[in-house]
């Protein structure tokens, strides 16, 4: 009997202790621990019991353009008890931008609908969800019972405790233009990336994909074709296996033992620099064979081609969907594998972001850097954390980088260059084109370059994927033409290649 009484007394004392601790927590921290997931806190829930209203501000932080303008979210007018109020929401409705990503309610609601924190499901919204997520929503409504009987009850506001904003490097004008050219040329699958060469910040990252509209093709990998010849040429010149002024003869067939590879035309006598400008498959198949697997793998490591090329935060890419490139997928070093790899076929995969980063590195003297997409996190105008981290690494020598840019410029100004259609654009540009042949007879058409040459301020990459050859190349070159035309409007002095005096939307 005494033992049972002791057990009951012990249970009673334990319960009393728990109630005392709970009372202390409620008294000292009525809103719980900030960021602990207890959203909203006890005090807020108590207020909501008497406040009958609507959520006028979800409190979620916004994703901003580099200028500070909101990129995500929307404000809309709503009539509340006869009064027009502005309602802010970050929740995604309709098609989501592939870079921003989607915001939605949790799969399992831990609390009533009025008090559920939204979650980032993809893109930047997902990566920075913990930073953007609201601590408390803003609610406007009437208290019950109303203090006085009036026809229009007084409104009371419970202010939000907002999450931080995330400022990106993206320029709204460049982004709008990139999306517009993709639509104008009817691209079904493709991407446009524009990078500011000085800071390696992404000014535009636009994507289209009819099959999966919210897929970000700018960070997906595709067969790059001849844009990879920049890597092959750079490796050969730095290794001393070839020189830019070496002369060779293209007879329309690769002169590699045991390999039957046709060039897309007969180029005749040419220097290796001219072979780059004319995108000669026969020349670069031989260069790749001379470099060998180790030479190509070393070049890939120096260019970080087996990474995503995108900025990292806390060891993770700022876009979780970004894919790493690759050069070899199988062992071996037979001549056919080397020849195909050297011209960007076989197992080679690169993303438009990686290609834009590659040509941007040439303007930095051959130093490759991570493309910056996010600048910082801000709350009430105060920077909480700066996310920028370039991680510079030398890929090729400064002399080789200059040679590669010269070959890209020759591709535009030479009548035999693959980008000669851009010779009459007012902005001097250096370009490397690429054509990757696919199994279905379609191609990936690439155009990557820098402008204005030689004092480049932007690097760009345009991809039209999985389309008929003539259509793909016409669209890719047309989009570059339109991008450069708009560039000239923003940089009037660029027509003569002079030093620029202003920049768009800083």
Protein backbone atom coordinates (compact mmCIF):
# COMPACT_ATOMS: atom_id res chain seq x y z
CA UNK A 1 0.00 0.00 0.00
CA UNK A 2 2.78 2.36 0.90
CA UNK A 3 4.60 1.51 -2.35
CA UNK A 4 1.52 2.33 -4.43
CA UNK A 5 1.11 5.64 -2.61
CA UNK A 6 4.76 6.46 -3.24
CA UNK A 7 4.37 5.76 -6.99
CA UNK A 8 1.26 7.92 -7.20
CA UNK A 9 2.99 10.71 -5.31
CA UNK A 10 5.98 10.47 -7.63
CA UNK A 11 3.78 10.67 -10.74
CA UNK A 12 1.93 13.64 -9.26
CA UNK A 13 5.19 15.44 -8.51
CA UNK A 14 6.55 14.72 -12.03
CA UNK A 15 3.38 16.08 -13.61
CA UNK A 16 3.56 19.17 -11.44
CA UNK A 17 7.19 19.68 -12.45
CA UNK A 18 6.33 19.39 -16.16
CA UNK A 19 3.50 21.90 -15.77
CA UNK A 20 5.83 24.27 -13.94
CA UNK A 21 8.47 24.01 -16.70
CA UNK A 22 5.81 24.51 -19.34
CA UNK A 23 4.50 27.58 -17.54
CA UNK A 24 8.02 28.97 -17.31
CA UNK A 25 8.61 28.43 -21.04
CA UNK A 26 5.29 30.03 -21.96
CA UNK A 27 6.01 32.98 -19.69
CA UNK A 28 9.59 33.57 -20.83
CA UNK A 29 9.23 32.59 -24.51
CA UNK A 30 5.59 33.04 -25.52
CA UNK A 31 6.49 32.77 -29.21
CA UNK A 32 8.74 29.74 -28.89
CA UNK A 33 12.28 29.51 -30.28
CA UNK A 34 12.83 31.55 -33.41
CA UNK A 35 13.40 29.26 -36.35
CA UNK A 36 12.46 26.16 -34.37
CA UNK A 37 9.47 25.34 -36.54
CA UNK A 38 6.89 26.34 -33.88
CA UNK A 39 5.29 28.88 -36.23
CA UNK A 40 3.38 30.82 -35.02
CA UNK A 41 4.07 30.93 -31.27
CA UNK A 42 1.64 30.65 -28.36
CA UNK A 43 1.07 34.40 -28.09
CA UNK A 44 0.26 34.59 -31.80
CA UNK A 45 -2.11 31.63 -31.62
CA UNK A 46 -3.89 33.23 -28.67
CA UNK A 47 -4.33 36.45 -30.63
CA UNK A 48 -5.60 34.53 -33.65
CA UNK A 49 -8.35 32.95 -31.54
CA UNK A 50 -9.97 36.40 -31.21
CA UNK A 51 -8.86 37.91 -34.51
CA UNK A 52 -11.13 36.83 -37.36
CA UNK A 53 -9.46 37.94 -40.55
CA UNK A 54 -7.27 37.11 -43.53
CA UNK A 55 -3.55 36.68 -43.99
CA UNK A 56 -2.49 39.91 -45.69
CA UNK A 57 1.23 39.09 -45.68
CA UNK A 58 2.58 35.56 -45.68
CA UNK A 59 5.82 36.99 -44.28
CA UNK A 60 8.03 34.95 -46.60
CA UNK A 61 11.12 36.77 -47.82
CA UNK A 62 11.40 37.72 -51.47
CA UNK A 63 13.94 36.76 -54.09
CA UNK A 64 15.31 40.03 -55.48
CA UNK A 65 16.98 41.13 -58.70
CA UNK A 66 20.44 42.66 -58.40
CA UNK A 67 18.79 46.10 -58.42
CA UNK A 68 16.73 45.25 -55.33
CA UNK A 69 13.47 44.95 -57.28
CA UNK A 70 11.31 41.96 -56.24
CA UNK A 71 11.61 39.00 -58.59
CA UNK A 72 9.34 36.66 -56.67
CA UNK A 73 5.94 37.13 -55.04
CA UNK A 74 3.04 39.43 -55.81
CA UNK A 75 0.80 42.06 -54.24
CA UNK A 76 -2.87 42.10 -55.09
CA UNK A 77 -5.79 44.21 -53.82
CA UNK A 78 -8.40 42.40 -51.69
CA UNK A 79 -11.65 43.73 -50.22
CA UNK A 80 -11.78 43.04 -46.46
CA UNK A 81 -14.90 44.17 -44.58
CA UNK A 82 -15.52 46.93 -47.07
CA UNK A 83 -11.91 48.10 -47.19
CA UNK A 84 -9.38 47.53 -49.98
CA UNK A 85 -6.15 46.07 -48.64
CA UNK A 86 -2.95 44.93 -50.29
CA UNK A 87 -2.21 41.23 -49.83
CA UNK A 88 1.33 39.89 -50.26
CA UNK A 89 1.99 36.25 -51.13
CA UNK A 90 5.07 34.37 -52.28
CA UNK A 91 3.16 31.21 -53.13
CA UNK A 92 3.59 30.16 -56.75
CA UNK A 93 0.45 30.17 -58.86
CA UNK A 94 0.63 28.96 -62.44
CA UNK A 95 3.95 28.33 -64.17
CA UNK A 96 7.02 28.84 -61.98
CA UNK A 97 10.25 30.40 -63.23
CA UNK A 98 12.89 27.62 -63.47
CA UNK A 99 15.46 29.70 -61.58
CA UNK A 100 13.16 30.98 -58.86
CA UNK A 101 11.42 27.66 -58.35
CA UNK A 102 8.06 26.91 -56.77
CA UNK A 103 6.61 27.81 -53.37
CA UNK A 104 3.75 25.81 -51.85
CA UNK A 105 2.11 24.74 -48.63
CA UNK A 106 3.53 21.75 -46.71
CA UNK A 107 2.34 18.28 -47.61
CA UNK A 108 1.25 17.84 -43.99
CA UNK A 109 -0.26 20.86 -42.26
CA UNK A 110 0.83 20.97 -38.61
CA UNK A 111 -1.54 23.83 -37.80
CA UNK A 112 -4.69 25.47 -39.21
CA UNK A 113 -4.42 26.87 -42.75
CA UNK A 114 -4.11 30.43 -41.48
CA UNK A 115 -0.92 29.50 -39.66
CA UNK A 116 1.06 27.34 -42.08
CA UNK A 117 4.50 28.40 -43.26
CA UNK A 118 4.99 27.99 -47.01
CA UNK A 119 7.90 25.95 -48.29
CA UNK A 120 10.25 26.27 -51.25
CA UNK A 121 9.90 23.26 -53.52
CA UNK A 122 12.50 23.92 -56.25
CA UNK A 123 15.04 26.43 -57.53
CA UNK A 124 16.31 29.22 -55.30
CA UNK A 125 13.15 28.99 -53.20
CA UNK A 126 14.16 25.49 -52.16
CA UNK A 127 17.86 26.16 -51.58
CA UNK A 128 17.24 29.22 -49.41
CA UNK A 129 13.97 28.08 -47.81
CA UNK A 130 15.33 28.35 -44.27
CA UNK A 131 16.41 31.96 -44.96
CA UNK A 132 13.22 33.03 -46.74
CA UNK A 133 10.67 31.28 -44.52
CA UNK A 134 8.40 33.50 -42.45
CA UNK A 135 8.44 33.39 -38.64
CA UNK A 136 4.90 34.74 -38.39
CA UNK A 137 2.27 35.83 -40.94
CA UNK A 138 0.68 39.25 -41.04
CA UNK A 139 -3.06 39.09 -40.36
CA UNK A 140 -5.71 41.82 -40.66
CA UNK A 141 -9.22 41.40 -39.29
CA UNK A 142 -11.71 42.21 -36.56
CA UNK A 143 -11.70 41.19 -32.92
CA UNK A 144 -14.66 39.22 -31.57
CA UNK A 145 -16.69 40.25 -29.86
CA UNK A 146 -16.41 43.67 -31.56
CA UNK A 147 -15.86 46.47 -29.03
CA UNK A 148 -18.73 48.54 -30.47
CA UNK A 149 -21.61 47.82 -32.78
CA UNK A 150 -20.74 49.68 -36.01
CA UNK A 151 -21.61 49.04 -39.66
CA UNK A 152 -17.93 48.86 -40.63
CA UNK A 153 -15.99 47.15 -37.83
CA UNK A 154 -12.54 48.44 -36.95
CA UNK A 155 -9.61 46.49 -38.40
CA UNK A 156 -6.72 45.25 -36.31
CA UNK A 157 -3.37 44.09 -37.62
CA UNK A 158 -1.04 41.40 -36.40
CA UNK A 159 2.30 42.36 -38.04
CA UNK A 160 4.41 39.69 -39.72
CA UNK A 161 7.81 38.52 -38.61
CA UNK A 162 9.27 38.18 -42.09
CA UNK A 163 12.01 35.96 -43.39
CA UNK A 164 15.04 37.53 -45.02
CA UNK A 165 15.21 38.52 -48.69
CA UNK A 166 17.73 36.85 -51.02
CA UNK A 167 19.33 39.17 -53.58
CA UNK A 168 20.46 37.56 -56.82
CA UNK A 169 22.91 38.82 -59.45
CA UNK A 170 20.27 38.68 -62.20
CA UNK A 171 19.50 41.90 -64.08
CA UNK A 172 15.76 42.32 -64.84
CA UNK A 173 16.37 43.83 -68.30
CA UNK A 174 18.79 41.10 -69.38
CA UNK A 175 16.51 38.40 -67.98
CA UNK A 176 13.47 39.77 -69.79
CA UNK A 177 15.43 39.98 -73.05
CA UNK A 178 16.74 36.41 -72.73
CA UNK A 179 13.23 35.06 -72.19
CA UNK A 180 11.91 37.18 -75.05
CA UNK A 181 14.41 35.92 -77.65
CA UNK A 182 13.68 32.30 -76.71
CA UNK A 183 9.98 32.92 -77.37
CA UNK A 184 10.57 35.00 -80.49
CA UNK A 185 12.48 32.19 -82.23
CA UNK A 186 10.06 29.48 -81.15
CA UNK A 187 12.69 27.47 -79.28
CA UNK A 188 11.15 24.30 -77.85
CA UNK A 189 14.15 23.27 -75.77
CA UNK A 190 17.04 25.57 -75.02
CA UNK A 191 18.59 28.20 -72.81
CA UNK A 192 20.31 31.59 -72.73
CA UNK A 193 22.96 32.55 -70.16
CA UNK A 194 24.63 35.97 -69.90
CA UNK A 195 27.51 36.61 -67.47
CA UNK A 196 29.24 39.86 -66.45
CA UNK A 197 32.89 39.03 -67.13
CA UNK A 198 34.44 41.24 -64.42
CA UNK A 199 32.55 39.69 -61.50
CA UNK A 200 31.45 36.44 -63.19
CA UNK A 201 27.91 37.23 -62.03
CA UNK A 202 24.96 35.82 -63.94
CA UNK A 203 22.98 38.66 -65.55
CA UNK A 204 20.47 36.36 -67.23
CA UNK A 205 19.55 32.68 -66.94
CA UNK A 206 16.58 31.83 -69.13
CA UNK A 207 15.28 28.41 -70.10
CA UNK A 208 12.49 26.87 -72.13
CA UNK A 209 11.36 23.26 -72.31
CA UNK A 210 8.04 22.24 -73.86
CA UNK A 211 8.17 18.77 -72.32
CA UNK A 212 8.88 19.96 -68.76
CA UNK A 213 8.23 23.73 -68.56
CA UNK A 214 9.77 24.18 -65.11
CA UNK A 215 13.01 22.38 -66.00
CA UNK A 216 16.08 24.62 -66.00
CA UNK A 217 18.00 23.79 -69.17
CA UNK A 218 20.60 26.43 -68.39
CA UNK A 219 22.12 24.10 -65.77
CA UNK A 220 21.38 20.78 -67.51
CA UNK A 221 24.15 19.11 -69.46
CA UNK A 222 23.99 18.45 -73.22
CA UNK A 223 26.41 17.22 -75.86
CA UNK A 224 28.41 20.40 -76.63
CA UNK A 225 29.87 19.62 -80.03
CA UNK A 226 32.49 22.03 -81.33
CA UNK A 227 32.44 24.50 -78.43
CA UNK A 228 34.52 21.84 -76.67
CA UNK A 229 37.28 22.51 -79.24
CA UNK A 230 38.22 25.50 -77.08
CA UNK A 231 39.21 23.02 -74.37
CA UNK A 232 41.07 20.78 -76.82
CA UNK A 233 42.97 23.66 -78.44
CA UNK A 234 43.88 25.20 -75.09
CA UNK A 235 45.22 21.89 -73.77
CA UNK A 236 47.33 21.33 -76.90
CA UNK A 237 48.81 24.83 -76.91
CA UNK A 238 49.63 24.83 -73.20
CA UNK A 239 51.15 21.34 -73.41
CA UNK A 240 53.30 22.32 -76.37
CA UNK A 241 51.77 19.60 -78.53
CA UNK A 242 50.68 22.17 -81.10
CA UNK A 243 50.85 25.91 -81.80
CA UNK A 244 48.26 28.36 -83.08
CA UNK A 245 50.24 28.97 -86.28
CA UNK A 246 50.89 25.28 -87.05
CA UNK A 247 49.81 24.49 -90.62
CA UNK A 248 47.86 21.42 -91.63
CA UNK A 249 45.71 20.27 -94.52
CA UNK A 250 42.08 19.19 -94.22
CA UNK A 251 41.08 16.83 -97.03
CA UNK A 252 37.65 16.20 -95.55
CA UNK A 253 38.74 13.17 -93.53
CA UNK A 254 40.47 12.89 -90.16
CA UNK A 255 44.03 11.63 -90.54
CA UNK A 256 44.01 9.46 -87.43
CA UNK A 257 45.05 5.80 -87.65
CA UNK A 258 42.04 3.48 -87.51
CA UNK A 259 39.50 6.31 -87.49
CA UNK A 260 37.05 7.11 -90.27
CA UNK A 261 35.72 10.55 -89.39
CA UNK A 262 34.48 12.93 -92.06
CA UNK A 263 34.86 16.65 -91.62
CA UNK A 264 31.75 18.70 -92.37
CA UNK A 265 33.59 20.21 -95.39
CA UNK A 266 37.02 20.22 -97.07
CA UNK A 267 38.96 23.12 -95.55
CA UNK A 268 42.27 22.62 -97.35
CA UNK A 269 45.41 24.28 -95.97
CA UNK A 270 44.85 26.05 -92.67
CA UNK A 271 46.56 27.03 -89.45
CA UNK A 272 45.27 25.61 -86.20
CA UNK A 273 43.87 29.06 -85.34
CA UNK A 274 41.96 29.04 -88.63
CA UNK A 275 40.84 25.47 -87.91
CA UNK A 276 39.31 26.76 -84.66
CA UNK A 277 37.54 29.59 -86.48
CA UNK A 278 36.30 27.21 -89.19
CA UNK A 279 35.53 24.44 -86.69
CA UNK A 280 37.49 21.80 -88.58
CA UNK A 281 36.70 18.34 -87.21
CA UNK A 282 39.60 16.70 -89.03
CA UNK A 283 42.17 19.00 -87.41
CA UNK A 284 40.85 18.63 -83.88
CA UNK A 285 40.37 14.88 -84.12
CA UNK A 286 44.11 14.66 -84.77
CA UNK A 287 44.90 17.11 -81.94
CA UNK A 288 42.82 15.05 -79.50
CA UNK A 289 44.59 11.88 -80.60
CA UNK A 290 47.98 13.55 -79.98
CA UNK A 291 46.89 14.76 -76.53
CA UNK A 292 45.69 11.33 -75.44
CA UNK A 293 43.23 10.54 -72.71
CA UNK A 294 45.44 11.90 -69.94
CA UNK A 295 45.86 15.23 -71.70
CA UNK A 296 42.11 15.65 -72.18
CA UNK A 297 41.36 14.54 -68.60
CA UNK A 298 43.92 17.00 -67.23
CA UNK A 299 42.33 19.80 -69.24
CA UNK A 300 38.90 18.84 -67.90
CA UNK A 301 40.20 18.97 -64.33
CA UNK A 302 41.72 22.41 -64.86
CA UNK A 303 38.44 23.69 -66.32
CA UNK A 304 36.43 21.96 -63.54
CA UNK A 305 34.27 20.37 -66.21
CA UNK A 306 33.27 17.54 -63.88
CA UNK A 307 31.63 20.10 -61.57
CA UNK A 308 28.57 22.27 -62.21
CA UNK A 309 30.42 25.57 -62.64
CA UNK A 310 27.87 27.18 -60.29
CA UNK A 311 28.44 29.05 -57.04
CA UNK A 312 28.27 27.00 -53.84
CA UNK A 313 26.88 27.94 -50.44
CA UNK A 314 27.83 25.77 -47.47
CA UNK A 315 29.19 23.18 -49.87
CA UNK A 316 26.00 22.97 -52.00
CA UNK A 317 25.21 24.49 -55.38
CA UNK A 318 22.71 27.33 -55.12
CA UNK A 319 20.53 25.37 -57.56
CA UNK A 320 20.19 21.75 -56.48
CA UNK A 321 19.18 20.72 -60.02
CA UNK A 322 22.48 21.89 -61.55
CA UNK A 323 24.26 19.00 -63.28
CA UNK A 324 27.99 18.33 -63.37
CA UNK A 325 29.64 17.98 -66.77
CA UNK A 326 31.74 15.06 -67.91
CA UNK A 327 34.29 14.19 -70.56
CA UNK A 328 34.70 10.41 -70.38
CA UNK A 329 32.07 7.93 -69.21
CA UNK A 330 33.92 4.70 -70.06
CA UNK A 331 37.52 3.49 -69.73
CA UNK A 332 39.87 3.18 -72.65
CA UNK A 333 41.93 5.39 -74.92
CA UNK A 334 41.32 4.10 -78.42
CA UNK A 335 41.79 6.55 -81.27
CA UNK A 336 38.09 6.74 -82.10
CA UNK A 337 37.15 7.68 -78.52
CA UNK A 338 39.85 10.36 -78.40
CA UNK A 339 38.88 11.81 -81.78
CA UNK A 340 35.20 12.03 -80.90
CA UNK A 341 35.93 13.47 -77.46
CA UNK A 342 38.21 16.15 -78.90
CA UNK A 343 35.36 17.55 -81.02
CA UNK A 344 32.83 17.45 -78.17
CA UNK A 345 30.94 14.30 -79.11
CA UNK A 346 30.85 10.77 -77.59
CA UNK A 347 30.44 11.12 -73.78
CA UNK A 348 31.20 14.83 -73.43
CA UNK A 349 28.47 16.80 -71.63
CA UNK A 350 28.38 20.49 -70.65
CA UNK A 351 25.67 22.87 -69.52
CA UNK A 352 25.03 26.31 -71.07
CA UNK A 353 26.14 27.80 -67.75
CA UNK A 354 29.45 25.92 -67.95
CA UNK A 355 30.03 27.04 -71.55
CA UNK A 356 29.31 30.69 -70.68
CA UNK A 357 31.68 30.36 -67.73
CA UNK A 358 34.36 28.90 -70.00
CA UNK A 359 34.36 31.85 -72.42
CA UNK A 360 34.13 34.27 -69.48
CA UNK A 361 37.31 32.69 -68.10
CA UNK A 362 39.13 33.53 -71.33
CA UNK A 363 38.52 37.24 -70.68
CA UNK A 364 40.02 36.74 -67.20
CA UNK A 365 43.29 35.51 -68.70
CA UNK A 366 42.40 31.84 -68.50
CA UNK A 367 41.23 31.79 -64.87
CA UNK A 368 38.02 29.82 -64.34
CA UNK A 369 35.62 30.96 -61.59
CA UNK A 370 32.30 29.73 -60.25
CA UNK A 371 29.38 31.58 -61.84
CA UNK A 372 27.75 33.76 -59.16
CA UNK A 373 23.95 33.66 -59.03
CA UNK A 374 23.21 34.88 -55.48
CA UNK A 375 24.73 37.93 -53.81
CA UNK A 376 23.48 37.98 -50.23
CA UNK A 377 20.67 37.63 -47.69
CA UNK A 378 19.12 40.88 -46.46
CA UNK A 379 16.62 41.86 -43.78
CA UNK A 380 15.23 45.39 -43.63
CA UNK A 381 18.03 46.60 -45.91
CA UNK A 382 20.79 45.09 -43.77
CA UNK A 383 23.05 42.41 -45.24
CA UNK A 384 22.98 39.33 -43.05
CA UNK A 385 25.35 37.23 -45.12
CA UNK A 386 27.32 37.63 -48.35
CA UNK A 387 27.23 34.45 -50.41
CA UNK A 388 29.68 35.31 -53.20
CA UNK A 389 32.65 32.96 -53.61
CA UNK A 390 34.51 32.83 -56.92
CA UNK A 391 37.03 30.01 -56.13
CA UNK A 392 39.44 31.07 -58.93
CA UNK A 393 41.60 28.45 -60.60
CA UNK A 394 43.87 28.75 -63.62
CA UNK A 395 42.66 26.64 -66.54
CA UNK A 396 45.02 27.83 -69.31
CA UNK A 397 47.82 30.36 -69.58
CA UNK A 398 47.04 34.00 -70.34
CA UNK A 399 48.76 33.66 -73.74
CA UNK A 400 46.62 30.64 -74.66
CA UNK A 401 43.47 32.44 -73.52
CA UNK A 402 44.36 35.34 -75.82
CA UNK A 403 44.93 32.94 -78.75
CA UNK A 404 41.57 31.27 -78.15
CA UNK A 405 39.79 34.64 -78.13
CA UNK A 406 41.60 35.58 -81.33
CA UNK A 407 40.35 32.37 -82.95
CA UNK A 408 36.81 33.17 -81.81
CA UNK A 409 37.08 36.66 -83.29
CA UNK A 410 38.37 35.14 -86.54
CA UNK A 411 35.24 32.95 -86.64
CA UNK A 412 33.25 36.20 -87.01
CA UNK A 413 35.42 38.35 -89.28
CA UNK A 414 36.69 35.64 -91.65
CA UNK A 415 34.44 34.86 -94.64
CA UNK A 416 35.10 31.18 -93.86
CA UNK A 417 34.33 31.53 -90.15
CA UNK A 418 31.35 29.64 -88.75
CA UNK A 419 29.93 32.83 -87.17
CA UNK A 420 30.48 35.18 -90.11
CA UNK A 421 26.75 36.01 -90.08
CA UNK A 422 27.50 38.12 -87.00
CA UNK A 423 30.18 40.21 -88.74
CA UNK A 424 27.79 43.10 -89.41
CA UNK A 425 26.52 43.39 -85.84
CA UNK A 426 27.46 46.82 -84.48
CA UNK A 427 29.02 45.34 -81.34
CA UNK A 428 32.39 43.63 -82.02
CA UNK A 429 32.03 40.06 -80.82
CA UNK A 430 34.18 36.91 -80.55
CA UNK A 431 32.26 33.66 -80.92
CA UNK A 432 32.63 29.88 -80.99
CA UNK A 433 29.82 27.88 -82.55
CA UNK A 434 29.05 24.23 -81.94
CA UNK A 435 26.97 21.51 -83.54
CA UNK A 436 26.37 18.27 -81.67
CA UNK A 437 24.83 15.53 -83.80
CA UNK A 438 22.12 13.52 -82.03
CA UNK A 439 20.82 10.03 -82.67
CA UNK A 440 17.51 11.18 -84.17
CA UNK A 441 19.12 13.32 -86.87
CA UNK A 442 18.57 16.50 -84.88
CA UNK A 443 21.36 18.63 -83.44
CA UNK A 444 22.24 20.78 -80.46
CA UNK A 445 23.21 24.19 -81.84
CA UNK A 446 25.48 26.31 -79.62
CA UNK A 447 26.79 29.86 -79.88
CA UNK A 448 29.10 31.08 -77.11
CA UNK A 449 31.03 34.31 -77.08
CA UNK A 450 32.10 37.58 -75.49
CA UNK A 451 31.34 41.21 -76.31
CA UNK A 452 32.56 43.79 -77.04
CA UNK A 453 35.87 42.40 -78.31
CA UNK A 454 38.58 42.85 -77.11
CA UNK A 455 37.46 44.64 -73.89
CA UNK A 456 34.64 42.22 -73.17
CA UNK A 457 32.06 43.06 -70.53
CA UNK A 458 29.68 40.15 -71.05
CA UNK A 459 30.04 36.49 -71.90
CA UNK A 460 27.08 34.53 -73.22
CA UNK A 461 25.91 31.12 -74.33
CA UNK A 462 22.87 30.30 -76.43
CA UNK A 463 21.64 26.72 -76.89
CA UNK A 464 18.93 25.37 -79.17
CA UNK A 465 18.64 21.70 -78.29
CA UNK A 466 17.29 18.71 -80.22
CA UNK A 467 16.09 20.53 -83.34
CA UNK A 468 16.61 20.19 -87.11
CA UNK A 469 20.04 21.54 -88.07
CA UNK A 470 19.09 24.50 -90.27
CA UNK A 471 16.34 25.62 -87.91
CA UNK A 472 18.56 25.27 -84.82
CA UNK A 473 21.47 27.28 -86.24
CA UNK A 474 19.22 29.99 -87.63
CA UNK A 475 17.56 30.41 -84.24
CA UNK A 476 20.82 30.34 -82.25
CA UNK A 477 22.58 32.95 -84.41
CA UNK A 478 19.40 35.05 -84.58
CA UNK A 479 19.11 35.11 -80.78
CA UNK A 480 22.74 36.20 -80.44
CA UNK A 481 22.13 38.96 -83.00
CA UNK A 482 19.16 40.23 -80.98
CA UNK A 483 21.08 40.05 -77.69
CA UNK A 484 23.94 42.08 -79.14
CA UNK A 485 21.58 44.63 -80.68
CA UNK A 486 20.01 45.22 -77.28
CA UNK A 487 23.46 45.34 -75.70
CA UNK A 488 24.34 48.23 -77.97
CA UNK A 489 21.27 50.14 -76.76
CA UNK A 490 22.43 49.76 -73.16
CA UNK A 491 26.09 50.47 -73.99
CA UNK A 492 26.12 53.11 -76.77
CA UNK A 493 29.92 53.33 -76.86
CA UNK A 494 30.19 49.60 -77.57
CA UNK A 495 29.84 50.08 -81.33
CA UNK A 496 33.46 51.12 -81.55
CA UNK A 497 34.72 48.87 -78.79
CA UNK A 498 35.47 51.89 -76.61
CA UNK A 499 35.55 51.88 -72.83
CA UNK A 500 32.05 51.78 -71.45
CA UNK A 501 30.66 54.61 -69.34
CA UNK A 502 27.53 53.03 -67.83
CA UNK A 503 26.06 49.68 -66.96
CA UNK A 504 22.47 48.45 -66.92
CA UNK A 505 20.52 48.28 -63.66
CA UNK A 506 23.22 48.01 -61.05
